[in-house]
Amino acid sequence: MAMKFTPKSSHLTGVEYDPATRALLVTFKNGSRHLHSGVPQEAYDNFAKYRSAGQFYHYLAKLHPGTKLK
């Protein structure tokens, strides 16, 4: 079952995570979406708690490079 939340961010509008596939989907305010594979559950949990969703996303994207979806 996918989990999701809406971050308090000026750039991000949504974060979805599927623990079965360890896939993280991040949606930006400009409409672009980025899919990151191999993301551990702990990273998703920390994403929701981090004080700056944008800063955490940049850190996470360096560890788990993603693919921009259309």
N, C-alpha and C. Protein backbone atom coordinates (compact mmCIF):
# COMPACT_ATOMS: atom_id res chain seq x y z
N MET A 1 0.85 -1.18 0.00
CA MET A 1 0.00 0.00 0.00
C MET A 1 0.89 1.25 0.00
N ALA A 2 0.63 2.15 -0.88
CA ALA A 2 1.40 3.39 -0.98
C ALA A 2 1.03 4.34 0.15
N MET A 3 2.04 5.05 0.62
CA MET A 3 1.83 6.07 1.64
C MET A 3 2.13 7.42 1.00
N LYS A 4 1.48 8.46 1.48
CA LYS A 4 1.74 9.77 0.91
C LYS A 4 1.48 10.87 1.92
N PHE A 5 2.11 12.01 1.66
CA PHE A 5 1.86 13.19 2.47
C PHE A 5 2.11 14.43 1.62
N THR A 6 1.57 15.55 2.08
CA THR A 6 1.78 16.83 1.43
C THR A 6 2.76 17.62 2.28
N PRO A 7 3.97 17.85 1.77
CA PRO A 7 4.96 18.56 2.57
C PRO A 7 4.68 20.05 2.65
N LYS A 8 5.17 20.66 3.71
CA LYS A 8 5.13 22.12 3.83
C LYS A 8 6.36 22.61 3.08
N SER A 9 6.16 23.05 1.86
CA SER A 9 7.28 23.41 1.01
C SER A 9 6.85 24.42 -0.03
N SER A 10 7.79 25.24 -0.45
CA SER A 10 7.49 26.20 -1.51
C SER A 10 7.71 25.59 -2.89
N HIS A 11 8.32 24.40 -2.96
CA HIS A 11 8.61 23.77 -4.25
C HIS A 11 7.96 22.40 -4.44
N LEU A 12 7.68 21.69 -3.35
CA LEU A 12 7.13 20.33 -3.45
C LEU A 12 5.65 20.33 -3.10
N THR A 13 4.87 19.54 -3.85
CA THR A 13 3.43 19.46 -3.55
C THR A 13 2.99 18.09 -3.06
N GLY A 14 3.80 17.07 -3.29
CA GLY A 14 3.40 15.74 -2.85
C GLY A 14 4.56 14.77 -2.81
N VAL A 15 4.47 13.83 -1.87
CA VAL A 15 5.46 12.76 -1.74
C VAL A 15 4.70 11.46 -1.54
N GLU A 16 4.99 10.47 -2.39
CA GLU A 16 4.36 9.16 -2.28
C GLU A 16 5.45 8.10 -2.17
N TYR A 17 5.17 7.07 -1.37
CA TYR A 17 6.16 6.01 -1.17
C TYR A 17 5.46 4.66 -1.19
N ASP A 18 6.06 3.71 -1.91
CA ASP A 18 5.55 2.34 -1.95
C ASP A 18 6.59 1.45 -1.29
N PRO A 19 6.32 0.98 -0.07
CA PRO A 19 7.30 0.16 0.64
C PRO A 19 7.57 -1.18 -0.03
N ALA A 20 6.63 -1.69 -0.79
CA ALA A 20 6.82 -2.99 -1.46
C ALA A 20 7.89 -2.90 -2.53
N THR A 21 7.95 -1.76 -3.24
CA THR A 21 8.93 -1.60 -4.31
C THR A 21 10.06 -0.63 -3.93
N ARG A 22 9.91 0.01 -2.75
CA ARG A 22 10.87 1.01 -2.27
C ARG A 22 11.01 2.16 -3.26
N ALA A 23 9.89 2.54 -3.86
CA ALA A 23 9.85 3.63 -4.84
C ALA A 23 9.28 4.90 -4.20
N LEU A 24 9.95 6.01 -4.43
CA LEU A 24 9.53 7.30 -3.91
C LEU A 24 9.22 8.20 -5.09
N LEU A 25 8.03 8.77 -5.10
CA LEU A 25 7.60 9.67 -6.16
C LEU A 25 7.39 11.06 -5.54
N VAL A 26 8.12 12.05 -6.08
CA VAL A 26 8.03 13.42 -5.57
C VAL A 26 7.45 14.31 -6.66
N THR A 27 6.42 15.07 -6.32
CA THR A 27 5.77 15.98 -7.26
C THR A 27 6.10 17.42 -6.87
N PHE A 28 6.47 18.20 -7.89
CA PHE A 28 6.85 19.60 -7.68
C PHE A 28 5.71 20.52 -8.10
N LYS A 29 5.74 21.74 -7.60
CA LYS A 29 4.70 22.72 -7.92
C LYS A 29 4.63 23.05 -9.40
N ASN A 30 5.74 22.89 -10.14
CA ASN A 30 5.72 23.15 -11.57
C ASN A 30 5.14 21.99 -12.37
N GLY A 31 4.71 20.93 -11.67
CA GLY A 31 4.08 19.79 -12.31
C GLY A 31 5.01 18.62 -12.60
N SER A 32 6.32 18.85 -12.50
CA SER A 32 7.23 17.73 -12.77
C SER A 32 7.20 16.72 -11.63
N ARG A 33 7.49 15.48 -12.00
CA ARG A 33 7.50 14.39 -11.01
C ARG A 33 8.81 13.62 -11.17
N HIS A 34 9.39 13.24 -10.04
CA HIS A 34 10.64 12.50 -10.06
C HIS A 34 10.45 11.20 -9.28
N LEU A 35 10.89 10.10 -9.89
CA LEU A 35 10.76 8.78 -9.28
C LEU A 35 12.14 8.31 -8.84
N HIS A 36 12.24 7.90 -7.59
CA HIS A 36 13.50 7.43 -7.01
C HIS A 36 13.31 5.98 -6.57
N SER A 37 14.24 5.12 -6.94
CA SER A 37 14.16 3.69 -6.62
C SER A 37 15.12 3.34 -5.50
N GLY A 38 14.79 2.27 -4.79
CA GLY A 38 15.66 1.75 -3.74
C GLY A 38 15.72 2.60 -2.49
N VAL A 39 14.68 3.37 -2.25
CA VAL A 39 14.64 4.26 -1.08
C VAL A 39 14.13 3.48 0.13
N PRO A 40 14.90 3.42 1.20
CA PRO A 40 14.43 2.69 2.38
C PRO A 40 13.27 3.39 3.08
N GLN A 41 12.46 2.62 3.75
CA GLN A 41 11.30 3.13 4.49
C GLN A 41 11.72 4.23 5.48
N GLU A 42 12.83 4.05 6.12
CA GLU A 42 13.32 5.02 7.10
C GLU A 42 13.52 6.40 6.47
N ALA A 43 13.99 6.45 5.22
CA ALA A 43 14.18 7.72 4.54
C ALA A 43 12.83 8.42 4.32
N TYR A 44 11.82 7.65 3.91
CA TYR A 44 10.49 8.24 3.73
C TYR A 44 9.97 8.77 5.06
N ASP A 45 10.11 7.99 6.11
CA ASP A 45 9.64 8.41 7.42
C ASP A 45 10.32 9.71 7.86
N ASN A 46 11.62 9.80 7.63
CA ASN A 46 12.36 11.01 8.00
C ASN A 46 11.96 12.21 7.13
N PHE A 47 11.63 11.95 5.88
CA PHE A 47 11.19 13.01 4.96
C PHE A 47 9.99 13.75 5.55
N ALA A 48 9.04 12.99 6.05
CA ALA A 48 7.82 13.59 6.59
C ALA A 48 8.09 14.40 7.87
N LYS A 49 9.17 14.09 8.57
CA LYS A 49 9.47 14.75 9.84
C LYS A 49 10.46 15.90 9.71
N TYR A 50 11.21 15.95 8.62
CA TYR A 50 12.29 16.92 8.49
C TYR A 50 11.73 18.34 8.41
N ARG A 51 12.40 19.30 9.01
CA ARG A 51 11.88 20.67 9.07
C ARG A 51 11.82 21.35 7.71
N SER A 52 12.69 20.97 6.78
CA SER A 52 12.67 21.55 5.43
C SER A 52 12.58 20.41 4.41
N ALA A 53 11.41 20.26 3.82
CA ALA A 53 11.21 19.18 2.85
C ALA A 53 12.13 19.35 1.65
N GLY A 54 12.34 20.57 1.20
CA GLY A 54 13.22 20.82 0.06
C GLY A 54 14.65 20.43 0.34
N GLN A 55 15.17 20.79 1.51
CA GLN A 55 16.53 20.42 1.88
C GLN A 55 16.68 18.91 1.98
N PHE A 56 15.71 18.26 2.60
CA PHE A 56 15.79 16.81 2.75
C PHE A 56 15.73 16.15 1.38
N TYR A 57 14.89 16.66 0.49
CA TYR A 57 14.79 16.08 -0.85
C TYR A 57 16.14 16.16 -1.58
N HIS A 58 16.81 17.29 -1.50
CA HIS A 58 18.11 17.42 -2.17
C HIS A 58 19.12 16.42 -1.62
N TYR A 59 19.11 16.22 -0.31
CA TYR A 59 19.99 15.24 0.32
C TYR A 59 19.62 13.83 -0.17
N LEU A 60 18.34 13.52 -0.15
CA LEU A 60 17.87 12.19 -0.56
C LEU A 60 18.17 11.92 -2.03
N ALA A 61 18.00 12.92 -2.88
CA ALA A 61 18.23 12.75 -4.32
C ALA A 61 19.70 12.46 -4.63
N LYS A 62 20.60 12.94 -3.80
CA LYS A 62 22.02 12.63 -4.00
C LYS A 62 22.30 11.16 -3.67
N LEU A 63 21.62 10.64 -2.67
CA LEU A 63 21.80 9.23 -2.27
C LEU A 63 21.10 8.27 -3.21
N HIS A 64 19.93 8.69 -3.71
CA HIS A 64 19.09 7.85 -4.57
C HIS A 64 18.67 8.66 -5.80
N PRO A 65 19.57 8.79 -6.79
CA PRO A 65 19.23 9.57 -7.99
C PRO A 65 17.92 9.06 -8.62
N GLY A 66 17.16 9.98 -9.13
CA GLY A 66 15.86 9.62 -9.70
C GLY A 66 15.76 9.86 -11.18
N THR A 67 14.58 9.56 -11.68
CA THR A 67 14.24 9.74 -13.09
C THR A 67 13.08 10.73 -13.17
N LYS A 68 13.23 11.73 -14.02
CA LYS A 68 12.14 12.69 -14.23
C LYS A 68 11.10 12.04 -15.12
N LEU A 69 9.85 12.06 -14.66
CA LEU A 69 8.75 11.50 -15.45
C LEU A 69 8.07 12.62 -16.22
N LYS A 70 7.37 12.26 -17.28
CA LYS A 70 6.63 13.26 -18.08
C LYS A 70 5.36 13.63 -17.41
